[in-house]
Each structure stands twice: as C-alpha cells, then as structure tokens.
Amino acid sequence: MTKKTDKESTNSWTGPAAIAGAAIGSAALAAALLYSSRRKERAEKAKPKPPVDPIDTD
C-alpha cells in the first residue's frame, strides 16, 4: 500500500472544482446573452412608430 501525501490529498478536489466553475461560468454567460437579447427586443418594440401621412383625396 502506498501512502498519499498531503499534496495528493489536497489536489483530489481541484478537478471537480474546475469543472463546476466552468459550468457555472458558462451558465452565467448564457444568461447574460439571453438577458441582453430580450432587453434589445423590448427596446425595439417600445420605439414609437413614425407617423403615417393620410392619403390626400379630392
């Protein structure tokens, strides 16, 4: 049997922590992109439409 040193035992959680951090970061990025696109769509809907001139008839 081999003994684990302190260095080996502390590194055992770094891999899963890195994966979890990447997942959280990518989810945050996706949420930010969705939020900005929805905000842009709402801003475009809120713009006033240009007035339409009535057709001149005699």
Protein backbone atom coordinates (compact mmCIF):
# COMPACT_ATOMS: atom_id res chain seq x y z
CA MET A 1 0.00 0.00 0.00
CA THR A 2 1.16 3.47 -0.73
CA LYS A 3 0.53 6.47 1.46
CA LYS A 4 -0.95 9.60 -0.01
CA THR A 5 1.00 12.71 0.73
CA ASP A 6 -0.65 15.96 1.74
CA LYS A 7 -0.18 17.31 -1.76
CA GLU A 8 -2.02 14.40 -3.38
CA SER A 9 -4.92 14.57 -0.94
CA THR A 10 -5.46 18.32 -1.46
CA ASN A 11 -5.40 18.01 -5.24
CA SER A 12 -8.18 15.45 -5.26
CA TRP A 13 -10.90 18.13 -5.31
CA THR A 14 -9.33 20.53 -7.82
CA GLY A 15 -10.56 18.66 -10.90
CA PRO A 16 -14.23 18.60 -9.90
CA ALA A 17 -13.99 22.18 -8.66
CA ALA A 18 -12.62 23.31 -12.02
CA ILE A 19 -15.41 21.53 -13.86
CA ALA A 20 -18.04 23.06 -11.57
CA GLY A 21 -16.52 26.51 -12.03
CA ALA A 22 -16.58 26.16 -15.80
CA ALA A 23 -20.22 25.04 -15.72
CA ILE A 24 -21.24 27.96 -13.53
CA GLY A 25 -19.31 30.40 -15.71
CA SER A 26 -20.84 29.15 -18.94
CA ALA A 27 -24.33 29.26 -17.43
CA ALA A 28 -23.76 32.84 -16.32
CA LEU A 29 -22.56 33.80 -19.79
CA ALA A 30 -25.59 32.20 -21.42
CA ALA A 31 -27.93 34.01 -19.02
CA ALA A 32 -26.26 37.34 -19.76
CA LEU A 33 -26.63 36.83 -23.51
CA LEU A 34 -30.29 35.90 -23.18
CA TYR A 35 -30.97 38.91 -20.96
CA SER A 36 -29.29 41.34 -23.35
CA SER A 37 -31.13 39.99 -26.40
CA ARG A 38 -34.51 40.19 -24.62
CA ARG A 39 -33.73 43.73 -23.49
CA LYS A 40 -32.86 44.73 -27.07
CA GLU A 41 -36.13 43.27 -28.41
CA ARG A 42 -38.16 45.15 -25.80
CA ALA A 43 -36.39 48.41 -26.64
CA GLU A 44 -37.18 47.96 -30.32
CA LYS A 45 -40.86 47.29 -29.55
CA ALA A 46 -41.08 50.40 -27.37
CA LYS A 47 -39.85 52.76 -30.10
CA PRO A 48 -42.64 54.97 -31.38
CA LYS A 49 -43.68 54.26 -34.93
CA PRO A 50 -43.25 57.09 -37.41
CA PRO A 51 -46.49 58.95 -38.18
CA VAL A 52 -48.23 57.89 -41.37
CA ASP A 53 -49.45 60.76 -43.51
CA PRO A 54 -53.06 60.38 -44.56
CA ILE A 55 -53.65 59.88 -48.27
CA ASP A 56 -54.75 63.12 -49.95
CA THR A 57 -58.05 62.70 -51.76
CA ASP A 58 -60.01 65.31 -53.66
